[in-house]
Amino acid sequence: MKRGFMKDLINGETVSICLFFIGVYGLCARRNILKTIISMSIMQAAIVLYFLSSNYESTAVPPIGKNLASLERVADPLPQALTITAVVIGVSVTAVCLTMFVSMFHKYGTTNWNKVKKKRSEID
């Protein structure tokens, strides 16, 4: 295998896709509520990495400031705006999930999804 092939294969987009599917696996395979929340955070980090690396050019300059001599080399601000939005939404979802987890843990006394379902069906 040539060294150039591996250099082209390992980039931000492929790493983000791998991270996303690791998060999907953790979301589907684990019964622990905290591990589920962590898996969702891993998926959110993968989305942010994908947004930032989607149209990356090493010669591009930021789209703000006085060094805009050539408009051809300006970085696309859309992935940066999507990244800020994804970070805010991810932090909000994580905070809501953790708040719900704490109240559910106090009510049912377990971190297992199946045990919570069982205890909930016994109460109803």
PDB file of N, CA and C in Angstrom:
ATOM      1  N   MET A   1       0.845  -1.174   0.000  1.00  0.00           N
ATOM      2  CA  MET A   1       0.000   0.000   0.000  1.00  0.00           C
ATOM      3  C   MET A   1       0.893   1.241   0.000  1.00  0.00           C
ATOM      4  N   LYS A   2       0.583   2.188  -0.852  1.00  0.00           N
ATOM      5  CA  LYS A   2       1.395   3.390  -0.961  1.00  0.00           C
ATOM      6  C   LYS A   2       1.053   4.366   0.151  1.00  0.00           C
ATOM      7  N   ARG A   3       2.043   5.135   0.539  1.00  0.00           N
ATOM      8  CA  ARG A   3       1.856   6.099   1.623  1.00  0.00           C
ATOM      9  C   ARG A   3       0.898   7.219   1.221  1.00  0.00           C
ATOM     10  N   GLY A   4       0.897   7.629  -0.008  1.00  0.00           N
ATOM     11  CA  GLY A   4       0.012   8.681  -0.482  1.00  0.00           C
ATOM     12  C   GLY A   4      -1.455   8.293  -0.402  1.00  0.00           C
ATOM     13  N   PHE A   5      -1.724   7.004  -0.621  1.00  0.00           N
ATOM     14  CA  PHE A   5      -3.105   6.520  -0.547  1.00  0.00           C
ATOM     15  C   PHE A   5      -3.657   6.674   0.871  1.00  0.00           C
ATOM     16  N   MET A   6      -2.870   6.314   1.870  1.00  0.00           N
ATOM     17  CA  MET A   6      -3.318   6.433   3.260  1.00  0.00           C
ATOM     18  C   MET A   6      -3.476   7.892   3.661  1.00  0.00           C
ATOM     19  N   LYS A   7      -2.614   8.746   3.137  1.00  0.00           N
ATOM     20  CA  LYS A   7      -2.713  10.164   3.449  1.00  0.00           C
ATOM     21  C   LYS A   7      -4.007  10.744   2.882  1.00  0.00           C
ATOM     22  N   ASP A   8      -4.399  10.299   1.702  1.00  0.00           N
ATOM     23  CA  ASP A   8      -5.647  10.762   1.100  1.00  0.00           C
ATOM     24  C   ASP A   8      -6.868  10.134   1.774  1.00  0.00           C
ATOM     25  N   LEU A   9      -6.711   8.939   2.315  1.00  0.00           N
ATOM     26  CA  LEU A   9      -7.835   8.237   2.914  1.00  0.00           C
ATOM     27  C   LEU A   9      -8.196   8.796   4.291  1.00  0.00           C
ATOM     28  N   ILE A  10      -7.201   9.145   5.081  1.00  0.00           N
ATOM     29  CA  ILE A  10      -7.460   9.640   6.435  1.00  0.00           C
ATOM     30  C   ILE A  10      -7.534  11.162   6.389  1.00  0.00           C
ATOM     31  N   ASN A  11      -8.756  11.669   6.421  1.00  0.00           N
ATOM     32  CA  ASN A  11      -8.991  13.104   6.473  1.00  0.00           C
ATOM     33  C   ASN A  11     -10.158  13.358   7.412  1.00  0.00           C
ATOM     34  N   GLY A  12     -10.546  14.599   7.553  1.00  0.00           N
ATOM     35  CA  GLY A  12     -11.592  14.956   8.498  1.00  0.00           C
ATOM     36  C   GLY A  12     -12.938  14.347   8.164  1.00  0.00           C
ATOM     37  N   GLU A  13     -13.231  14.206   6.885  1.00  0.00           N
ATOM     38  CA  GLU A  13     -14.532  13.665   6.488  1.00  0.00           C
ATOM     39  C   GLU A  13     -14.659  12.186   6.824  1.00  0.00           C
ATOM     40  N   THR A  14     -13.630  11.396   6.525  1.00  0.00           N
ATOM     41  CA  THR A  14     -13.714   9.962   6.826  1.00  0.00           C
ATOM     42  C   THR A  14     -13.677   9.706   8.331  1.00  0.00           C
ATOM     43  N   VAL A  15     -12.889  10.478   9.057  1.00  0.00           N
ATOM     44  CA  VAL A  15     -12.860  10.327  10.515  1.00  0.00           C
ATOM     45  C   VAL A  15     -14.216  10.703  11.107  1.00  0.00           C
ATOM     46  N   SER A  16     -14.844  11.740  10.590  1.00  0.00           N
ATOM     47  CA  SER A  16     -16.152  12.138  11.112  1.00  0.00           C
ATOM     48  C   SER A  16     -17.215  11.086  10.808  1.00  0.00           C
ATOM     49  N   ILE A  17     -17.148  10.452   9.652  1.00  0.00           N
ATOM     50  CA  ILE A  17     -18.104   9.395   9.329  1.00  0.00           C
ATOM     51  C   ILE A  17     -17.906   8.200  10.258  1.00  0.00           C
ATOM     52  N   CYS A  18     -16.653   7.843  10.525  1.00  0.00           N
ATOM     53  CA  CYS A  18     -16.382   6.744  11.462  1.00  0.00           C
ATOM     54  C   CYS A  18     -16.879   7.081  12.861  1.00  0.00           C
ATOM     55  N   LEU A  19     -16.612   8.300  13.318  1.00  0.00           N
ATOM     56  CA  LEU A  19     -17.096   8.721  14.634  1.00  0.00           C
ATOM     57  C   LEU A  19     -18.619   8.697  14.702  1.00  0.00           C
ATOM     58  N   PHE A  20     -19.270   9.139  13.657  1.00  0.00           N
ATOM     59  CA  PHE A  20     -20.729   9.143  13.647  1.00  0.00           C
ATOM     60  C   PHE A  20     -21.286   7.729  13.804  1.00  0.00           C
ATOM     61  N   PHE A  21     -20.713   6.766  13.095  1.00  0.00           N
ATOM     62  CA  PHE A  21     -21.217   5.406  13.195  1.00  0.00           C
ATOM     63  C   PHE A  21     -20.829   4.734  14.511  1.00  0.00           C
ATOM     64  N   ILE A  22     -19.739   5.165  15.132  1.00  0.00           N
ATOM     65  CA  ILE A  22     -19.438   4.709  16.493  1.00  0.00           C
ATOM     66  C   ILE A  22     -20.520   5.201  17.444  1.00  0.00           C
ATOM     67  N   GLY A  23     -20.943   6.442  17.265  1.00  0.00           N
ATOM     68  CA  GLY A  23     -22.033   6.977  18.074  1.00  0.00           C
ATOM     69  C   GLY A  23     -23.344   6.259  17.830  1.00  0.00           C
ATOM     70  N   VAL A  24     -23.636   5.924  16.570  1.00  0.00           N
ATOM     71  CA  VAL A  24     -24.858   5.177  16.254  1.00  0.00           C
ATOM     72  C   VAL A  24     -24.818   3.801  16.908  1.00  0.00           C
ATOM     73  N   TYR A  25     -23.668   3.143  16.870  1.00  0.00           N
ATOM     74  CA  TYR A  25     -23.528   1.838  17.525  1.00  0.00           C
ATOM     75  C   TYR A  25     -23.773   1.962  19.029  1.00  0.00           C
ATOM     76  N   GLY A  26     -23.179   2.967  19.652  1.00  0.00           N
ATOM     77  CA  GLY A  26     -23.386   3.166  21.081  1.00  0.00           C
ATOM     78  C   GLY A  26     -24.833   3.476  21.409  1.00  0.00           C
ATOM     79  N   LEU A  27     -25.500   4.168  20.524  1.00  0.00           N
ATOM     80  CA  LEU A  27     -26.911   4.501  20.723  1.00  0.00           C
ATOM     81  C   LEU A  27     -27.795   3.260  20.630  1.00  0.00           C
ATOM     82  N   CYS A  28     -27.464   2.356  19.712  1.00  0.00           N
ATOM     83  CA  CYS A  28     -28.289   1.163  19.506  1.00  0.00           C
ATOM     84  C   CYS A  28     -27.936   0.014  20.451  1.00  0.00           C
ATOM     85  N   ALA A  29     -26.670  -0.137  20.795  1.00  0.00           N
ATOM     86  CA  ALA A  29     -26.232  -1.339  21.506  1.00  0.00           C
ATOM     87  C   ALA A  29     -26.242  -1.203  23.024  1.00  0.00           C
ATOM     88  N   ARG A  30     -26.189  -0.031  23.556  1.00  0.00           N
ATOM     89  CA  ARG A  30     -26.080   0.141  25.007  1.00  0.00           C
ATOM     90  C   ARG A  30     -27.430   0.380  25.639  1.00  0.00           C
ATOM     91  N   ARG A  31     -27.613  -0.168  26.836  1.00  0.00           N
ATOM     92  CA  ARG A  31     -28.854   0.003  27.582  1.00  0.00           C
ATOM     93  C   ARG A  31     -28.702   1.031  28.694  1.00  0.00           C
ATOM     94  N   ASN A  32     -27.492   1.516  28.913  1.00  0.00           N
ATOM     95  CA  ASN A  32     -27.245   2.505  29.956  1.00  0.00           C
ATOM     96  C   ASN A  32     -27.602   3.893  29.424  1.00  0.00           C
ATOM     97  N   ILE A  33     -28.341   4.653  30.213  1.00  0.00           N
ATOM     98  CA  ILE A  33     -28.814   5.962  29.761  1.00  0.00           C
ATOM     99  C   ILE A  33     -27.644   6.931  29.591  1.00  0.00           C
ATOM    100  N   LEU A  34     -26.678   6.905  30.498  1.00  0.00           N
ATOM    101  CA  LEU A  34     -25.519   7.806  30.377  1.00  0.00           C
ATOM    102  C   LEU A  34     -24.697   7.497  29.124  1.00  0.00           C
ATOM    103  N   LYS A  35     -24.524   6.216  28.824  1.00  0.00           N
ATOM    104  CA  LYS A  35     -23.783   5.849  27.610  1.00  0.00           C
ATOM    105  C   LYS A  35     -24.533   6.279  26.352  1.00  0.00           C
ATOM    106  N   THR A  36     -25.844   6.274  26.424  1.00  0.00           N
ATOM    107  CA  THR A  36     -26.645   6.757  25.303  1.00  0.00           C
ATOM    108  C   THR A  36     -26.432   8.257  25.097  1.00  0.00           C
ATOM    109  N   ILE A  37     -26.414   9.009  26.185  1.00  0.00           N
ATOM    110  CA  ILE A  37     -26.187  10.455  26.097  1.00  0.00           C
ATOM    111  C   ILE A  37     -24.782  10.742  25.566  1.00  0.00           C
ATOM    112  N   ILE A  38     -23.791   9.980  26.017  1.00  0.00           N
ATOM    113  CA  ILE A  38     -22.419  10.149  25.522  1.00  0.00           C
ATOM    114  C   ILE A  38     -22.347   9.815  24.034  1.00  0.00           C
ATOM    115  N   SER A  39     -23.062   8.780  23.599  1.00  0.00           N
ATOM    116  CA  SER A  39     -23.078   8.416  22.178  1.00  0.00           C
ATOM    117  C   SER A  39     -23.681   9.523  21.332  1.00  0.00           C
ATOM    118  N   MET A  40     -24.729  10.173  21.855  1.00  0.00           N
ATOM    119  CA  MET A  40     -25.309  11.303  21.126  1.00  0.00           C
ATOM    120  C   MET A  40     -24.322  12.458  21.031  1.00  0.00           C
ATOM    121  N   SER A  41     -23.528  12.676  22.070  1.00  0.00           N
ATOM    122  CA  SER A  41     -22.510  13.735  22.030  1.00  0.00           C
ATOM    123  C   SER A  41     -21.406  13.404  21.031  1.00  0.00           C
ATOM    124  N   ILE A  42     -21.051  12.133  20.927  1.00  0.00           N
ATOM    125  CA  ILE A  42     -20.047  11.714  19.938  1.00  0.00           C
ATOM    126  C   ILE A  42     -20.574  11.962  18.526  1.00  0.00           C
ATOM    127  N   MET A  43     -21.842  11.669  18.298  1.00  0.00           N
ATOM    128  CA  MET A  43     -22.436  11.931  16.986  1.00  0.00           C
ATOM    129  C   MET A  43     -22.450  13.424  16.682  1.00  0.00           C
ATOM    130  N   GLN A  44     -22.728  14.239  17.685  1.00  0.00           N
ATOM    131  CA  GLN A  44     -22.727  15.690  17.493  1.00  0.00           C
ATOM    132  C   GLN A  44     -21.324  16.191  17.156  1.00  0.00           C
ATOM    133  N   ALA A  45     -20.313  15.662  17.823  1.00  0.00           N
ATOM    134  CA  ALA A  45     -18.929  16.053  17.520  1.00  0.00           C
ATOM    135  C   ALA A  45     -18.537  15.632  16.104  1.00  0.00           C
ATOM    136  N   ALA A  46     -19.025  14.487  15.668  1.00  0.00           N
ATOM    137  CA  ALA A  46     -18.745  14.033  14.306  1.00  0.00           C
ATOM    138  C   ALA A  46     -19.379  14.958  13.277  1.00  0.00           C
ATOM    139  N   ILE A  47     -20.573  15.435  13.563  1.00  0.00           N
ATOM    140  CA  ILE A  47     -21.239  16.367  12.642  1.00  0.00           C
ATOM    141  C   ILE A  47     -20.468  17.673  12.553  1.00  0.00           C
ATOM    142  N   VAL A  48     -19.989  18.175  13.691  1.00  0.00           N
ATOM    143  CA  VAL A  48     -19.193  19.408  13.698  1.00  0.00           C
ATOM    144  C   VAL A  48     -17.903  19.212  12.902  1.00  0.00           C
ATOM    145  N   LEU A  49     -17.231  18.089  13.101  1.00  0.00           N
ATOM    146  CA  LEU A  49     -16.000  17.811  12.354  1.00  0.00           C
ATOM    147  C   LEU A  49     -16.269  17.724  10.855  1.00  0.00           C
ATOM    148  N   TYR A  50     -17.379  17.125  10.476  1.00  0.00           N
ATOM    149  CA  TYR A  50     -17.716  17.028   9.057  1.00  0.00           C
ATOM    150  C   TYR A  50     -17.977  18.404   8.456  1.00  0.00           C
ATOM    151  N   PHE A  51     -18.723  19.250   9.183  1.00  0.00           N
ATOM    152  CA  PHE A  51     -18.989  20.603   8.676  1.00  0.00           C
ATOM    153  C   PHE A  51     -17.692  21.374   8.470  1.00  0.00           C
ATOM    154  N   LEU A  52     -16.770  21.261   9.416  1.00  0.00           N
ATOM    155  CA  LEU A  52     -15.535  22.029   9.315  1.00  0.00           C
ATOM    156  C   LEU A  52     -14.585  21.507   8.242  1.00  0.00           C
ATOM    157  N   SER A  53     -14.625  20.214   7.980  1.00  0.00           N
ATOM    158  CA  SER A  53     -13.675  19.655   7.017  1.00  0.00           C
ATOM    159  C   SER A  53     -14.266  19.449   5.621  1.00  0.00           C
ATOM    160  N   SER A  54     -15.517  19.813   5.409  1.00  0.00           N
ATOM    161  CA  SER A  54     -16.163  19.507   4.131  1.00  0.00           C
ATOM    162  C   SER A  54     -15.527  20.241   2.952  1.00  0.00           C
ATOM    163  N   ASN A  55     -15.278  21.514   3.051  1.00  0.00           N
ATOM    164  CA  ASN A  55     -14.667  22.265   1.952  1.00  0.00           C
ATOM    165  C   ASN A  55     -13.374  22.927   2.393  1.00  0.00           C
ATOM    166  N   TYR A  56     -12.568  22.214   3.153  1.00  0.00           N
ATOM    167  CA  TYR A  56     -11.342  22.791   3.690  1.00  0.00           C
ATOM    168  C   TYR A  56     -10.300  22.989   2.593  1.00  0.00           C
ATOM    169  N   GLU A  57      -9.727  24.192   2.581  1.00  0.00           N
ATOM    170  CA  GLU A  57      -8.601  24.509   1.699  1.00  0.00           C
ATOM    171  C   GLU A  57      -7.535  25.178   2.554  1.00  0.00           C
ATOM    172  N   SER A  58      -6.320  24.697   2.462  1.00  0.00           N
ATOM    173  CA  SER A  58      -5.252  25.230   3.313  1.00  0.00           C
ATOM    174  C   SER A  58      -4.849  26.648   2.922  1.00  0.00           C
ATOM    175  N   THR A  59      -5.138  27.078   1.709  1.00  0.00           N
ATOM    176  CA  THR A  59      -4.733  28.413   1.271  1.00  0.00           C
ATOM    177  C   THR A  59      -5.826  29.463   1.456  1.00  0.00           C
ATOM    178  N   ALA A  60      -6.976  29.071   1.945  1.00  0.00           N
ATOM    179  CA  ALA A  60      -8.095  30.007   2.082  1.00  0.00           C
ATOM    180  C   ALA A  60      -7.873  30.949   3.263  1.00  0.00           C
ATOM    181  N   VAL A  61      -8.343  32.175   3.105  1.00  0.00           N
ATOM    182  CA  VAL A  61      -8.247  33.174   4.170  1.00  0.00           C
ATOM    183  C   VAL A  61      -9.628  33.371   4.785  1.00  0.00           C
ATOM    184  N   PRO A  62      -9.703  33.816   6.033  1.00  0.00           N
ATOM    185  CA  PRO A  62     -11.013  34.038   6.656  1.00  0.00           C
ATOM    186  C   PRO A  62     -11.825  35.084   5.899  1.00  0.00           C
ATOM    187  N   PRO A  63     -13.152  34.960   5.902  1.00  0.00           N
ATOM    188  CA  PRO A  63     -13.990  35.883   5.141  1.00  0.00           C
ATOM    189  C   PRO A  63     -14.217  37.218   5.847  1.00  0.00           C
ATOM    190  N   ILE A  64     -13.342  37.608   6.735  1.00  0.00           N
ATOM    191  CA  ILE A  64     -13.479  38.859   7.469  1.00  0.00           C
ATOM    192  C   ILE A  64     -12.089  39.461   7.642  1.00  0.00           C
ATOM    193  N   GLY A  65     -12.009  40.744   7.654  1.00  0.00           N
ATOM    194  CA  GLY A  65     -10.714  41.399   7.857  1.00  0.00           C
ATOM    195  C   GLY A  65     -10.243  42.177   6.645  1.00  0.00           C
ATOM    196  N   LYS A  66      -9.009  42.651   6.727  1.00  0.00           N
ATOM    197  CA  LYS A  66      -8.458  43.505   5.673  1.00  0.00           C
ATOM    198  C   LYS A  66      -7.618  42.752   4.657  1.00  0.00           C
ATOM    199  N   ASN A  67      -7.399  41.453   4.863  1.00  0.00           N
ATOM    200  CA  ASN A  67      -6.533  40.704   3.951  1.00  0.00           C
ATOM    201  C   ASN A  67      -7.327  40.018   2.840  1.00  0.00           C
ATOM    202  N   LEU A  68      -8.381  40.638   2.364  1.00  0.00           N
ATOM    203  CA  LEU A  68      -9.207  40.076   1.307  1.00  0.00           C
ATOM    204  C   LEU A  68      -8.766  40.585  -0.063  1.00  0.00           C
ATOM    205  N   ALA A  69      -7.521  40.374  -0.408  1.00  0.00           N
ATOM    206  CA  ALA A  69      -6.996  40.848  -1.687  1.00  0.00           C
ATOM    207  C   ALA A  69      -7.643  40.109  -2.855  1.00  0.00           C
ATOM    208  N   SER A  70      -7.806  38.826  -2.704  1.00  0.00           N
ATOM    209  CA  SER A  70      -8.400  38.031  -3.778  1.00  0.00           C
ATOM    210  C   SER A  70      -9.623  37.302  -3.238  1.00  0.00           C
ATOM    211  N   LEU A  71     -10.744  37.523  -3.874  1.00  0.00           N
ATOM    212  CA  LEU A  71     -11.967  36.873  -3.419  1.00  0.00           C
ATOM    213  C   LEU A  71     -12.008  35.395  -3.770  1.00  0.00           C
ATOM    214  N   GLU A  72     -11.079  34.922  -4.555  1.00  0.00           N
ATOM    215  CA  GLU A  72     -11.043  33.513  -4.921  1.00  0.00           C
ATOM    216  C   GLU A  72     -10.546  32.646  -3.773  1.00  0.00           C
ATOM    217  N   ARG A  73      -9.760  33.191  -2.873  1.00  0.00           N
ATOM    218  CA  ARG A  73      -9.165  32.408  -1.791  1.00  0.00           C
ATOM    219  C   ARG A  73      -9.939  32.519  -0.483  1.00  0.00           C
ATOM    220  N   VAL A  74     -11.089  33.140  -0.468  1.00  0.00           N
ATOM    221  CA  VAL A  74     -11.842  33.341   0.763  1.00  0.00           C
ATOM    222  C   VAL A  74     -12.543  32.038   1.153  1.00  0.00           C
ATOM    223  N   ALA A  75     -12.462  31.696   2.434  1.00  0.00           N
ATOM    224  CA  ALA A  75     -13.111  30.487   2.940  1.00  0.00           C
ATOM    225  C   ALA A  75     -14.627  30.664   2.946  1.00  0.00           C
ATOM    226  N   ASP A  76     -15.320  29.589   2.748  1.00  0.00           N
ATOM    227  CA  ASP A  76     -16.783  29.600   2.741  1.00  0.00           C
ATOM    228  C   ASP A  76     -17.289  29.738   4.179  1.00  0.00           C
ATOM    229  N   PRO A  77     -18.070  30.776   4.492  1.00  0.00           N
ATOM    230  CA  PRO A  77     -18.529  30.960   5.866  1.00  0.00           C
ATOM    231  C   PRO A  77     -19.720  30.079   6.256  1.00  0.00           C
ATOM    232  N   LEU A  78     -20.358  29.423   5.304  1.00  0.00           N
ATOM    233  CA  LEU A  78     -21.531  28.605   5.604  1.00  0.00           C
ATOM    234  C   LEU A  78     -21.221  27.426   6.540  1.00  0.00           C
ATOM    235  N   PRO A  79     -20.159  26.636   6.306  1.00  0.00           N
ATOM    236  CA  PRO A  79     -19.869  25.558   7.263  1.00  0.00           C
ATOM    237  C   PRO A  79     -19.573  26.074   8.668  1.00  0.00           C
ATOM    238  N   GLN A  80     -18.971  27.254   8.761  1.00  0.00           N
ATOM    239  CA  GLN A  80     -18.693  27.828  10.082  1.00  0.00           C
ATOM    240  C   GLN A  80     -19.992  28.208  10.784  1.00  0.00           C
ATOM    241  N   ALA A  81     -20.941  28.765  10.057  1.00  0.00           N
ATOM    242  CA  ALA A  81     -22.232  29.112  10.651  1.00  0.00           C
ATOM    243  C   ALA A  81     -23.000  27.857  11.053  1.00  0.00           C
ATOM    244  N   LEU A  82     -22.960  26.824  10.217  1.00  0.00           N
ATOM    245  CA  LEU A  82     -23.615  25.571  10.565  1.00  0.00           C
ATOM    246  C   LEU A  82     -22.963  24.919  11.786  1.00  0.00           C
ATOM    247  N   THR A  83     -21.658  25.066  11.912  1.00  0.00           N
ATOM    248  CA  THR A  83     -20.952  24.512  13.062  1.00  0.00           C
ATOM    249  C   THR A  83     -21.380  25.192  14.346  1.00  0.00           C
ATOM    250  N   ILE A  84     -21.479  26.504  14.329  1.00  0.00           N
ATOM    251  CA  ILE A  84     -21.928  27.224  15.520  1.00  0.00           C
ATOM    252  C   ILE A  84     -23.329  26.784  15.901  1.00  0.00           C
ATOM    253  N   THR A  85     -24.200  26.653  14.916  1.00  0.00           N
ATOM    254  CA  THR A  85     -25.564  26.198  15.173  1.00  0.00           C
ATOM    255  C   THR A  85     -25.579  24.783  15.729  1.00  0.00           C
ATOM    256  N   ALA A  86     -24.774  23.889  15.163  1.00  0.00           N
ATOM    257  CA  ALA A  86     -24.734  22.499  15.623  1.00  0.00           C
ATOM    258  C   ALA A  86     -24.190  22.399  17.045  1.00  0.00           C
ATOM    259  N   VAL A  87     -23.209  23.225  17.387  1.00  0.00           N
ATOM    260  CA  VAL A  87     -22.663  23.209  18.749  1.00  0.00           C
ATOM    261  C   VAL A  87     -23.711  23.668  19.750  1.00  0.00           C
ATOM    262  N   VAL A  88     -24.414  24.737  19.440  1.00  0.00           N
ATOM    263  CA  VAL A  88     -25.443  25.250  20.351  1.00  0.00           C
ATOM    264  C   VAL A  88     -26.563  24.231  20.532  1.00  0.00           C
ATOM    265  N   ILE A  89     -27.019  23.635  19.444  1.00  0.00           N
ATOM    266  CA  ILE A  89     -28.080  22.636  19.536  1.00  0.00           C
ATOM    267  C   ILE A  89     -27.596  21.398  20.284  1.00  0.00           C
ATOM    268  N   GLY A  90     -26.366  20.979  20.027  1.00  0.00           N
ATOM    269  CA  GLY A  90     -25.823  19.802  20.714  1.00  0.00           C
ATOM    270  C   GLY A  90     -25.693  20.000  22.207  1.00  0.00           C
ATOM    271  N   VAL A  91     -25.219  21.159  22.618  1.00  0.00           N
ATOM    272  CA  VAL A  91     -25.101  21.448  24.048  1.00  0.00           C
ATOM    273  C   VAL A  91     -26.480  21.508  24.690  1.00  0.00           C
ATOM    274  N   SER A  92     -27.442  22.092  24.006  1.00  0.00           N
ATOM    275  CA  SER A  92     -28.804  22.177  24.539  1.00  0.00           C
ATOM    276  C   SER A  92     -29.431  20.797  24.689  1.00  0.00           C
ATOM    277  N   VAL A  93     -29.284  19.956  23.682  1.00  0.00           N
ATOM    278  CA  VAL A  93     -29.845  18.609  23.745  1.00  0.00           C
ATOM    279  C   VAL A  93     -29.180  17.802  24.856  1.00  0.00           C
ATOM    280  N   THR A  94     -27.866  17.927  24.997  1.00  0.00           N
ATOM    281  CA  THR A  94     -27.157  17.217  26.064  1.00  0.00           C
ATOM    282  C   THR A  94     -27.623  17.690  27.436  1.00  0.00           C
ATOM    283  N   ALA A  95     -27.804  18.989  27.608  1.00  0.00           N
ATOM    284  CA  ALA A  95     -28.266  19.513  28.894  1.00  0.00           C
ATOM    285  C   ALA A  95     -29.670  19.019  29.227  1.00  0.00           C
ATOM    286  N   VAL A  96     -30.561  19.011  28.251  1.00  0.00           N
ATOM    287  CA  VAL A  96     -31.923  18.520  28.484  1.00  0.00           C
ATOM    288  C   VAL A  96     -31.902  17.020  28.794  1.00  0.00           C
ATOM    289  N   CYS A  97     -31.103  16.261  28.067  1.00  0.00           N
ATOM    290  CA  CYS A  97     -31.006  14.817  28.322  1.00  0.00           C
ATOM    291  C   CYS A  97     -30.471  14.533  29.720  1.00  0.00           C
ATOM    292  N   LEU A  98     -29.442  15.260  30.140  1.00  0.00           N
ATOM    293  CA  LEU A  98     -28.894  15.043  31.475  1.00  0.00           C
ATOM    294  C   LEU A  98     -29.886  15.438  32.559  1.00  0.00           C
ATOM    295  N   THR A  99     -30.637  16.503  32.345  1.00  0.00           N
ATOM    296  CA  THR A  99     -31.662  16.907  33.312  1.00  0.00           C
ATOM    297  C   THR A  99     -32.742  15.840  33.425  1.00  0.00           C
ATOM    298  N   MET A 100     -33.187  15.328  32.282  1.00  0.00           N
ATOM    299  CA  MET A 100     -34.186  14.260  32.310  1.00  0.00           C
ATOM    300  C   MET A 100     -33.626  12.999  32.957  1.00  0.00           C
ATOM    301  N   PHE A 101     -32.347  12.705  32.710  1.00  0.00           N
ATOM    302  CA  PHE A 101     -31.713  11.532  33.307  1.00  0.00           C
ATOM    303  C   PHE A 101     -31.678  11.633  34.826  1.00  0.00           C
ATOM    304  N   VAL A 102     -31.307  12.795  35.345  1.00  0.00           N
ATOM    305  CA  VAL A 102     -31.223  12.967  36.799  1.00  0.00           C
ATOM    306  C   VAL A 102     -32.597  12.782  37.432  1.00  0.00           C
ATOM    307  N   SER A 103     -33.626  13.378  36.859  1.00  0.00           N
ATOM    308  CA  SER A 103     -34.965  13.219  37.430  1.00  0.00           C
ATOM    309  C   SER A 103     -35.457  11.775  37.297  1.00  0.00           C
ATOM    310  N   MET A 104     -35.140  11.107  36.194  1.00  0.00           N
ATOM    311  CA  MET A 104     -35.540   9.712  36.017  1.00  0.00           C
ATOM    312  C   MET A 104     -34.782   8.799  36.987  1.00  0.00           C
ATOM    313  N   PHE A 105     -33.511   9.089  37.214  1.00  0.00           N
ATOM    314  CA  PHE A 105     -32.729   8.289  38.157  1.00  0.00           C
ATOM    315  C   PHE A 105     -33.272   8.438  39.579  1.00  0.00           C
ATOM    316  N   HIS A 106     -33.653   9.661  39.939  1.00  0.00           N
ATOM    317  CA  HIS A 106     -34.226   9.861  41.271  1.00  0.00           C
ATOM    318  C   HIS A 106     -35.579   9.166  41.413  1.00  0.00           C
ATOM    319  N   LYS A 107     -36.326   9.095  40.345  1.00  0.00           N
ATOM    320  CA  LYS A 107     -37.655   8.481  40.408  1.00  0.00           C
ATOM    321  C   LYS A 107     -37.590   6.955  40.374  1.00  0.00           C
ATOM    322  N   TYR A 108     -36.746   6.388  39.484  1.00  0.00           N
ATOM    323  CA  TYR A 108     -36.724   4.945  39.290  1.00  0.00           C
ATOM    324  C   TYR A 108     -35.505   4.259  39.893  1.00  0.00           C
ATOM    325  N   GLY A 109     -34.439   4.977  40.190  1.00  0.00           N
ATOM    326  CA  GLY A 109     -33.264   4.413  40.847  1.00  0.00           C
ATOM    327  C   GLY A 109     -32.392   3.523  39.990  1.00  0.00           C
ATOM    328  N   THR A 110     -32.419   3.686  38.683  1.00  0.00           N
ATOM    329  CA  THR A 110     -31.592   2.864  37.804  1.00  0.00           C
ATOM    330  C   THR A 110     -31.151   3.685  36.591  1.00  0.00           C
ATOM    331  N   THR A 111     -30.090   3.196  35.919  1.00  0.00           N
ATOM    332  CA  THR A 111     -29.626   3.847  34.699  1.00  0.00           C
ATOM    333  C   THR A 111     -29.848   2.965  33.472  1.00  0.00           C
ATOM    334  N   ASN A 112     -30.597   1.877  33.627  1.00  0.00           N
ATOM    335  CA  ASN A 112     -30.847   0.929  32.550  1.00  0.00           C
ATOM    336  C   ASN A 112     -32.211   1.212  31.931  1.00  0.00           C
ATOM    337  N   TRP A 113     -32.234   1.322  30.597  1.00  0.00           N
ATOM    338  CA  TRP A 113     -33.488   1.606  29.895  1.00  0.00           C
ATOM    339  C   TRP A 113     -34.544   0.533  30.161  1.00  0.00           C
ATOM    340  N   ASN A 114     -34.140  -0.734  30.119  1.00  0.00           N
ATOM    341  CA  ASN A 114     -35.103  -1.819  30.287  1.00  0.00           C
ATOM    342  C   ASN A 114     -35.699  -1.835  31.689  1.00  0.00           C
ATOM    343  N   LYS A 115     -34.876  -1.587  32.692  1.00  0.00           N
ATOM    344  CA  LYS A 115     -35.388  -1.567  34.066  1.00  0.00           C
ATOM    345  C   LYS A 115     -36.334  -0.388  34.283  1.00  0.00           C
ATOM    346  N   VAL A 116     -36.048   0.735  33.654  1.00  0.00           N
ATOM    347  CA  VAL A 116     -36.954   1.889  33.762  1.00  0.00           C
ATOM    348  C   VAL A 116     -38.298   1.554  33.126  1.00  0.00           C
ATOM    349  N   LYS A 117     -38.276   0.898  31.972  1.00  0.00           N
ATOM    350  CA  LYS A 117     -39.529   0.498  31.321  1.00  0.00           C
ATOM    351  C   LYS A 117     -40.320  -0.462  32.198  1.00  0.00           C
ATOM    352  N   LYS A 118     -39.624  -1.428  32.810  1.00  0.00           N
ATOM    353  CA  LYS A 118     -40.282  -2.405  33.675  1.00  0.00           C
ATOM    354  C   LYS A 118     -40.910  -1.722  34.889  1.00  0.00           C
ATOM    355  N   LYS A 119     -40.151  -0.862  35.544  1.00  0.00           N
ATOM    356  CA  LYS A 119     -40.662  -0.160  36.724  1.00  0.00           C
ATOM    357  C   LYS A 119     -41.801   0.787  36.351  1.00  0.00           C
ATOM    358  N   ARG A 120     -41.711   1.377  35.191  1.00  0.00           N
ATOM    359  CA  ARG A 120     -42.764   2.287  34.751  1.00  0.00           C
ATOM    360  C   ARG A 120     -44.062   1.526  34.470  1.00  0.00           C
ATOM    361  N   SER A 121     -43.951   0.356  33.873  1.00  0.00           N
ATOM    362  CA  SER A 121     -45.152  -0.447  33.603  1.00  0.00           C
ATOM    363  C   SER A 121     -45.757  -0.976  34.903  1.00  0.00           C
ATOM    364  N   GLU A 122     -44.939  -1.211  35.928  1.00  0.00           N
ATOM    365  CA  GLU A 122     -45.460  -1.644  37.225  1.00  0.00           C
ATOM    366  C   GLU A 122     -46.229  -0.520  37.923  1.00  0.00           C
ATOM    367  N   ILE A 123     -45.777   0.716  37.717  1.00  0.00           N
ATOM    368  CA  ILE A 123     -46.433   1.867  38.358  1.00  0.00           C
ATOM    369  C   ILE A 123     -47.763   2.163  37.681  1.00  0.00           C
ATOM    370  N   ASP A 124     -47.801   2.061  36.349  1.00  0.00           N
ATOM    371  CA  ASP A 124     -49.030   2.385  35.592  1.00  0.00           C
ATOM    372  C   ASP A 124     -50.044   1.315  35.684  1.00  0.00           C
TER     373      ASP A 124
END
